[in-house]
């Protein structure tokens, strides 16, 4: 059997989408819906679902374009995959499906644009700067933003925090609010941390193709301090948001994940240079990213 035939058509299509990782999108969109509900009452369910479709398409786009770029650059052949990093492995197993992965990314990006255009027509042009910047970030993330440690660190948080949470809230209410802004900082710090920690196993492979993130620039151990600082800022944001009267007290439900965050930060610092022992903490990090925004969203809905 040829190499391009080692996977079914369905597997070749869904692999670059990285389906298990798409769970992050509903968590972040739910936070945006919660901010909208807190500020303006219950939003339209159909509009919320449409916002989710656009956000999922954006996430699929960045995943598929990243898979295609990593395959073309040769990174996939250098990377040691873990359950949480290193790509899906679809294209190294089936190189003939690389054009399909590229098409998946581009079509998904187009769907995001169409959903965004609908909400621009519905809510006004104030959504355009956020939407266009988000789409540009998707398009250039792998090729250019990964060459800068600072941009590589903050781009994922901007995508899932600022663009996704604030974009969802605006799409449902037609206004930018301080509630959505402060709430968006929770996934901003968490998702930036998610990608940061997932870069630890890939330092050598990423360096070989010209990437330049913090684990390459300053090393894993020093990067673990950045990771810990961003975790601390996640929970500090919630506390200060409540003290300032921007977030309701029930949004402090997000603090329920703080004990897990402390354990994860300790593990990241202790095992920064021991990838095999770091992997369980990478898993805990994923749980933090999924559960914390949902808890904050629940607090907003109940307030």
Protein backbone atom coordinates (compact mmCIF):
# COMPACT_ATOMS: atom_id res chain seq x y z
CA UNK A 1 0.00 0.00 0.00
CA UNK A 2 1.31 3.47 -0.79
CA UNK A 3 2.26 5.82 1.97
CA UNK A 4 -0.62 8.13 1.11
CA UNK A 5 -3.02 5.22 1.56
CA UNK A 6 -2.06 4.33 5.12
CA UNK A 7 -4.95 6.40 6.47
CA UNK A 8 -8.59 6.52 5.48
CA UNK A 9 -9.94 9.68 3.91
CA UNK A 10 -11.82 10.48 7.13
CA UNK A 11 -8.69 10.01 9.25
CA UNK A 12 -6.66 12.18 6.89
CA UNK A 13 -9.32 14.90 7.14
CA UNK A 14 -9.85 14.87 10.89
CA UNK A 15 -6.23 14.26 11.93
CA UNK A 16 -4.94 17.77 11.10
CA UNK A 17 -8.01 19.22 12.83
CA UNK A 18 -6.68 17.76 16.12
CA UNK A 19 -10.21 17.02 17.32
CA UNK A 20 -9.40 16.31 21.00
CA UNK A 21 -7.87 19.77 21.34
CA UNK A 22 -11.02 21.47 20.04
CA UNK A 23 -12.61 21.12 23.49
CA UNK A 24 -10.83 24.33 24.43
CA UNK A 25 -12.99 26.34 22.03
CA UNK A 26 -16.41 25.64 23.63
CA UNK A 27 -14.90 26.49 27.04
CA UNK A 28 -13.73 29.90 25.81
CA UNK A 29 -16.89 30.63 23.82
CA UNK A 30 -18.98 29.72 26.89
CA UNK A 31 -17.03 32.34 28.84
CA UNK A 32 -17.87 34.92 26.17
CA UNK A 33 -21.53 33.91 26.29
CA UNK A 34 -21.44 34.18 30.08
CA UNK A 35 -20.02 37.71 29.89
CA UNK A 36 -22.74 38.67 27.40
CA UNK A 37 -25.46 37.18 29.62
CA UNK A 38 -24.14 38.99 32.69
CA UNK A 39 -24.03 42.35 30.88
CA UNK A 40 -27.14 42.15 28.70
CA UNK A 41 -29.30 39.22 29.71
CA UNK A 42 -29.78 35.87 28.02
CA UNK A 43 -28.49 36.02 24.43
CA UNK A 44 -29.97 34.31 21.39
CA UNK A 45 -29.17 30.62 21.47
CA UNK A 46 -28.90 30.48 17.67
CA UNK A 47 -26.47 33.39 17.62
CA UNK A 48 -24.41 31.78 20.39
CA UNK A 49 -24.26 28.54 18.40
CA UNK A 50 -23.22 30.45 15.29
CA UNK A 51 -20.46 32.16 17.26
CA UNK A 52 -19.33 28.71 18.39
CA UNK A 53 -19.25 27.50 14.76
CA UNK A 54 -17.07 30.44 13.78
CA UNK A 55 -14.74 29.89 16.73
CA UNK A 56 -14.44 26.16 16.04
CA UNK A 57 -13.65 26.90 12.40
CA UNK A 58 -10.92 29.31 13.52
CA UNK A 59 -9.42 26.68 15.83
CA UNK A 60 -9.53 24.05 13.08
CA UNK A 61 -7.90 26.51 10.70
CA UNK A 62 -4.93 27.22 12.95
CA UNK A 63 -4.51 23.50 13.72
CA UNK A 64 -4.63 22.37 10.09
CA UNK A 65 -2.38 25.17 8.82
CA UNK A 66 0.08 24.38 11.61
CA UNK A 67 0.08 20.69 10.67
CA UNK A 68 0.69 21.54 7.02
CA UNK A 69 3.49 23.98 7.81
CA UNK A 70 5.19 21.62 10.28
CA UNK A 71 5.11 18.85 7.71
CA UNK A 72 6.51 21.01 4.91
CA UNK A 73 9.29 22.37 7.14
CA UNK A 74 10.35 18.87 8.21
CA UNK A 75 9.56 19.58 11.86
CA UNK A 76 7.26 16.57 12.16
CA UNK A 77 10.15 14.23 11.32
CA UNK A 78 12.32 15.78 14.06
CA UNK A 79 9.73 16.02 16.82
CA UNK A 80 9.19 13.44 19.51
CA UNK A 81 5.39 13.47 19.93
CA UNK A 82 3.73 13.49 23.34
CA UNK A 83 0.00 13.21 24.06
CA UNK A 84 -0.11 17.01 24.24
CA UNK A 85 2.48 18.22 21.74
CA UNK A 86 4.18 17.29 18.50
CA UNK A 87 1.15 17.35 16.20
CA UNK A 88 -1.22 14.57 15.19
CA UNK A 89 1.30 12.62 13.11
CA UNK A 90 -1.19 12.43 10.24
CA UNK A 91 0.93 13.85 7.44
CA UNK A 92 4.16 11.96 8.21
CA UNK A 93 2.07 8.78 8.00
CA UNK A 94 0.24 9.92 4.88
CA UNK A 95 2.20 12.62 3.00
CA UNK A 96 -0.14 12.54 0.02
CA UNK A 97 -2.84 14.18 2.12
CA UNK A 98 -0.84 17.35 2.76
CA UNK A 99 -2.85 19.37 0.17
CA UNK A 100 -6.03 18.23 1.92
CA UNK A 101 -4.73 19.56 5.23
CA UNK A 102 -3.95 22.90 3.60
CA UNK A 103 -7.42 23.01 2.05
CA UNK A 104 -8.98 22.18 5.42
CA UNK A 105 -7.18 25.11 6.98
CA UNK A 106 -8.10 27.57 4.25
CA UNK A 107 -11.76 26.51 4.05
CA UNK A 108 -12.08 26.70 7.83
CA UNK A 109 -10.56 30.17 7.81
CA UNK A 110 -13.07 31.20 5.14
CA UNK A 111 -15.94 29.88 7.29
CA UNK A 112 -14.66 31.95 10.19
CA UNK A 113 -14.62 34.99 7.92
CA UNK A 114 -18.19 34.40 6.75
CA UNK A 115 -19.47 34.02 10.31
CA UNK A 116 -17.60 37.17 11.27
CA UNK A 117 -19.09 39.04 8.31
CA UNK A 118 -22.58 38.04 9.43
CA UNK A 119 -22.00 39.49 12.88
CA UNK A 120 -20.43 42.64 11.42
CA UNK A 121 -23.59 43.17 9.38
CA UNK A 122 -25.70 42.42 12.45
CA UNK A 123 -23.77 44.35 15.12
CA UNK A 124 -21.68 46.90 13.27
CA UNK A 125 -18.18 47.54 12.01
CA UNK A 126 -16.67 47.82 15.50
CA UNK A 127 -16.21 44.05 15.32
CA UNK A 128 -13.97 44.33 12.25
CA UNK A 129 -10.64 45.25 13.93
CA UNK A 130 -10.92 42.34 16.37
CA UNK A 131 -12.03 39.88 13.70
CA UNK A 132 -9.48 40.85 11.07
CA UNK A 133 -6.62 40.82 13.59
CA UNK A 134 -7.73 37.38 14.74
CA UNK A 135 -7.78 36.00 11.21
CA UNK A 136 -4.40 37.53 10.45
CA UNK A 137 -2.98 35.92 13.58
CA UNK A 138 -4.22 32.51 12.39
CA UNK A 139 -2.66 33.03 8.96
CA UNK A 140 0.80 34.08 10.15
CA UNK A 141 1.15 32.26 13.48
CA UNK A 142 3.21 29.26 12.40
CA UNK A 143 5.27 30.97 9.72
CA UNK A 144 6.14 34.24 11.47
CA UNK A 145 4.91 34.62 15.03
CA UNK A 146 6.81 31.53 16.17
CA UNK A 147 10.05 33.38 15.28
CA UNK A 148 9.54 35.85 18.15
CA UNK A 149 9.52 34.66 21.78
CA UNK A 150 7.14 37.39 22.93
CA UNK A 151 4.69 37.07 20.03
CA UNK A 152 4.81 33.28 20.22
CA UNK A 153 3.96 33.51 23.92
CA UNK A 154 1.02 35.92 23.71
CA UNK A 155 -0.55 35.00 20.35
CA UNK A 156 -2.36 31.86 21.62
CA UNK A 157 -3.77 33.79 24.57
CA UNK A 158 -4.91 36.61 22.33
CA UNK A 159 -6.60 34.10 20.03
CA UNK A 160 -8.55 32.20 22.67
CA UNK A 161 -8.89 35.03 25.17
CA UNK A 162 -9.11 38.47 23.60
CA UNK A 163 -10.39 37.48 20.16
CA UNK A 164 -12.61 34.55 21.09
CA UNK A 165 -14.12 35.68 24.40
CA UNK A 166 -14.48 39.37 23.57
CA UNK A 167 -15.51 38.57 20.00
CA UNK A 168 -18.25 36.23 21.20
CA UNK A 169 -19.52 38.77 23.73
CA UNK A 170 -19.59 41.54 21.12
CA UNK A 171 -21.30 39.30 18.56
CA UNK A 172 -24.09 38.68 21.07
CA UNK A 173 -24.45 42.19 22.52
CA UNK A 174 -23.02 44.66 20.00
CA UNK A 175 -20.77 46.28 22.61
CA UNK A 176 -17.35 45.83 24.17
CA UNK A 177 -17.57 45.69 27.95
CA UNK A 178 -15.15 45.62 30.85
CA UNK A 179 -16.71 42.32 31.94
CA UNK A 180 -15.74 40.62 28.69
CA UNK A 181 -12.31 42.24 28.73
CA UNK A 182 -11.41 41.08 32.23
CA UNK A 183 -12.98 37.64 31.70
CA UNK A 184 -10.94 37.24 28.50
CA UNK A 185 -7.73 37.58 30.51
CA UNK A 186 -8.39 34.21 32.14
CA UNK A 187 -7.94 32.18 28.92
CA UNK A 188 -5.35 34.73 27.75
CA UNK A 189 -2.96 33.67 30.50
CA UNK A 190 -4.02 30.02 30.57
CA UNK A 191 -3.79 29.34 26.83
CA UNK A 192 -0.51 31.23 26.50
CA UNK A 193 0.73 28.95 29.27
CA UNK A 194 -0.68 25.88 27.51
CA UNK A 195 1.37 26.49 24.39
CA UNK A 196 4.41 27.54 26.42
CA UNK A 197 4.52 24.30 28.41
CA UNK A 198 3.85 22.25 25.27
CA UNK A 199 6.96 23.77 23.72
CA UNK A 200 9.22 22.24 26.37
CA UNK A 201 9.53 18.80 24.69
CA UNK A 202 10.09 20.35 21.24
CA UNK A 203 13.04 22.65 21.94
CA UNK A 204 15.63 20.87 19.82
CA UNK A 205 13.30 20.21 16.89
CA UNK A 206 11.90 23.75 16.91
CA UNK A 207 15.39 25.27 17.08
CA UNK A 208 16.46 23.23 14.05
CA UNK A 209 13.82 24.83 11.80
CA UNK A 210 14.32 28.40 13.01
CA UNK A 211 11.67 28.85 15.68
CA UNK A 212 12.55 31.09 18.59
CA UNK A 213 10.25 30.76 21.60
CA UNK A 214 11.17 31.26 25.24
CA UNK A 215 12.20 27.65 26.00
CA UNK A 216 14.72 28.02 23.16
CA UNK A 217 15.79 31.57 24.01
CA UNK A 218 16.20 31.31 27.80
CA UNK A 219 15.85 27.58 28.47
CA UNK A 220 13.12 25.43 29.96
CA UNK A 221 13.89 26.13 33.60
CA UNK A 222 13.67 29.91 33.28
CA UNK A 223 10.60 29.51 31.07
CA UNK A 224 8.93 27.58 33.89
CA UNK A 225 9.04 30.82 35.90
CA UNK A 226 7.13 32.57 33.10
CA UNK A 227 4.66 29.70 33.15
CA UNK A 228 4.18 30.07 36.91
CA UNK A 229 3.80 33.85 36.66
CA UNK A 230 1.08 33.52 34.02
CA UNK A 231 -0.77 31.00 36.18
CA UNK A 232 -0.62 33.40 39.10
CA UNK A 233 -1.91 36.23 36.90
CA UNK A 234 -4.90 34.09 35.92
CA UNK A 235 -6.17 33.91 39.48
CA UNK A 236 -5.07 37.43 40.36
CA UNK A 237 -7.19 38.66 37.47
CA UNK A 238 -10.27 37.02 38.94
CA UNK A 239 -9.65 38.40 42.41
CA UNK A 240 -8.93 41.94 41.21
CA UNK A 241 -11.87 41.81 38.80
CA UNK A 242 -14.22 41.04 41.67
CA UNK A 243 -12.65 43.62 43.99
CA UNK A 244 -13.03 46.24 41.25
CA UNK A 245 -16.69 45.35 40.78
CA UNK A 246 -16.18 44.30 37.18
CA UNK A 247 -16.78 40.61 37.74
CA UNK A 248 -19.45 39.22 40.10
CA UNK A 249 -18.33 37.40 43.26
CA UNK A 250 -19.53 34.06 41.86
CA UNK A 251 -16.88 34.28 39.13
CA UNK A 252 -14.47 33.32 41.92
CA UNK A 253 -15.66 29.77 41.25
CA UNK A 254 -12.64 29.79 38.94
CA UNK A 255 -10.44 29.70 42.03
CA UNK A 256 -11.50 26.09 42.59
CA UNK A 257 -8.75 25.02 40.20
CA UNK A 258 -6.07 26.92 42.14
CA UNK A 259 -4.81 23.85 44.08
CA UNK A 260 -4.33 21.98 40.79
CA UNK A 261 -2.55 25.03 39.36
CA UNK A 262 -0.12 25.07 42.29
CA UNK A 263 0.69 21.38 41.78
CA UNK A 264 1.11 21.88 38.05
CA UNK A 265 3.42 24.87 38.51
CA UNK A 266 5.55 22.94 40.96
CA UNK A 267 5.80 20.05 38.53
CA UNK A 268 6.70 22.33 35.64
CA UNK A 269 9.49 23.92 37.65
CA UNK A 270 10.79 20.67 39.09
CA UNK A 271 10.75 18.65 35.86
CA UNK A 272 11.34 21.37 33.27
CA UNK A 273 14.30 19.47 31.81
CA UNK A 274 12.84 15.97 32.22
CA UNK A 275 10.24 15.56 29.49
CA UNK A 276 9.03 12.09 30.53
CA UNK A 277 8.28 13.29 34.06
CA UNK A 278 6.79 16.55 32.77
CA UNK A 279 4.08 14.88 30.67
CA UNK A 280 1.59 14.28 33.56
CA UNK A 281 1.78 17.97 34.42
CA UNK A 282 1.15 18.86 30.78
CA UNK A 283 -2.06 16.85 31.16
CA UNK A 284 -2.98 18.73 34.32
CA UNK A 285 -2.33 21.95 32.45
CA UNK A 286 -4.93 20.97 29.85
CA UNK A 287 -7.47 20.36 32.63
CA UNK A 288 -6.79 23.84 34.02
CA UNK A 289 -7.43 25.38 30.59
CA UNK A 290 -10.72 23.56 30.12
CA UNK A 291 -12.21 23.76 33.60
CA UNK A 292 -11.26 27.23 34.81
CA UNK A 293 -13.02 29.23 32.05
CA UNK A 294 -16.11 27.04 32.43
CA UNK A 295 -16.24 27.69 36.17
CA UNK A 296 -15.93 31.44 35.63
CA UNK A 297 -18.65 31.24 32.98
CA UNK A 298 -20.95 29.40 35.41
CA UNK A 299 -20.37 32.16 37.94
CA UNK A 300 -21.35 34.78 35.34
CA UNK A 301 -24.50 32.87 34.36
CA UNK A 302 -25.57 32.50 37.99
CA UNK A 303 -25.02 36.16 38.87
